[in-house]
Amino acid sequence: MQKQMISSVRELNVYKKSFEVAVEIFQLVKTFPREERYALTD
């Protein structure tokens, strides 16, 4: 089995999956009431 060189962190599976989860969390948080969003960032 031949290993390939990675030229960017974006090629890593762990990066791809974590980015997908981050987008899902972002979309979910947008549905929260304004007070709850403020409490998360406070």
Protein backbone atom coordinates (compact mmCIF):
# COMPACT_ATOMS: atom_id res chain seq x y z
CA MET A 1 0.00 0.00 0.00
CA GLN A 2 1.40 3.34 -1.05
CA LYS A 3 0.89 6.39 1.18
CA GLN A 4 -0.04 9.72 -0.35
CA MET A 5 1.35 13.02 0.80
CA ILE A 6 -1.18 15.45 2.18
CA SER A 7 -0.86 18.94 0.77
CA SER A 8 -3.56 20.56 2.90
CA VAL A 9 -5.23 19.93 6.23
CA ARG A 10 -8.54 20.07 4.36
CA GLU A 11 -7.73 16.71 2.82
CA LEU A 12 -7.84 14.98 6.21
CA ASN A 13 -11.01 13.00 6.97
CA VAL A 14 -11.04 14.28 10.53
CA TYR A 15 -11.05 17.86 9.23
CA LYS A 16 -13.93 17.13 6.84
CA LYS A 17 -16.04 15.50 9.53
CA SER A 18 -15.34 18.19 12.13
CA PHE A 19 -16.23 20.89 9.60
CA GLU A 20 -19.56 19.14 8.87
CA VAL A 21 -20.33 18.99 12.60
CA ALA A 22 -19.40 22.66 13.05
CA VAL A 23 -21.79 23.66 10.25
CA GLU A 24 -24.58 21.57 11.81
CA ILE A 25 -24.00 23.22 15.19
CA PHE A 26 -23.99 26.67 13.58
CA GLN A 27 -27.31 25.94 11.85
CA LEU A 28 -28.83 24.62 15.08
CA VAL A 29 -27.68 27.61 17.15
CA LYS A 30 -29.26 29.99 14.63
CA THR A 31 -32.65 28.57 15.70
CA PHE A 32 -32.05 29.45 19.38
CA PRO A 33 -33.72 32.50 20.92
CA ARG A 34 -31.54 35.62 20.91
CA GLU A 35 -31.01 35.46 24.68
CA GLU A 36 -29.70 31.90 24.46
CA ARG A 37 -27.29 32.79 21.66
CA TYR A 38 -25.95 35.66 23.74
CA ALA A 39 -25.48 33.37 26.75
CA LEU A 40 -23.44 30.96 24.61
CA THR A 41 -21.01 33.67 23.54
CA ASP A 42 -20.84 35.48 26.87
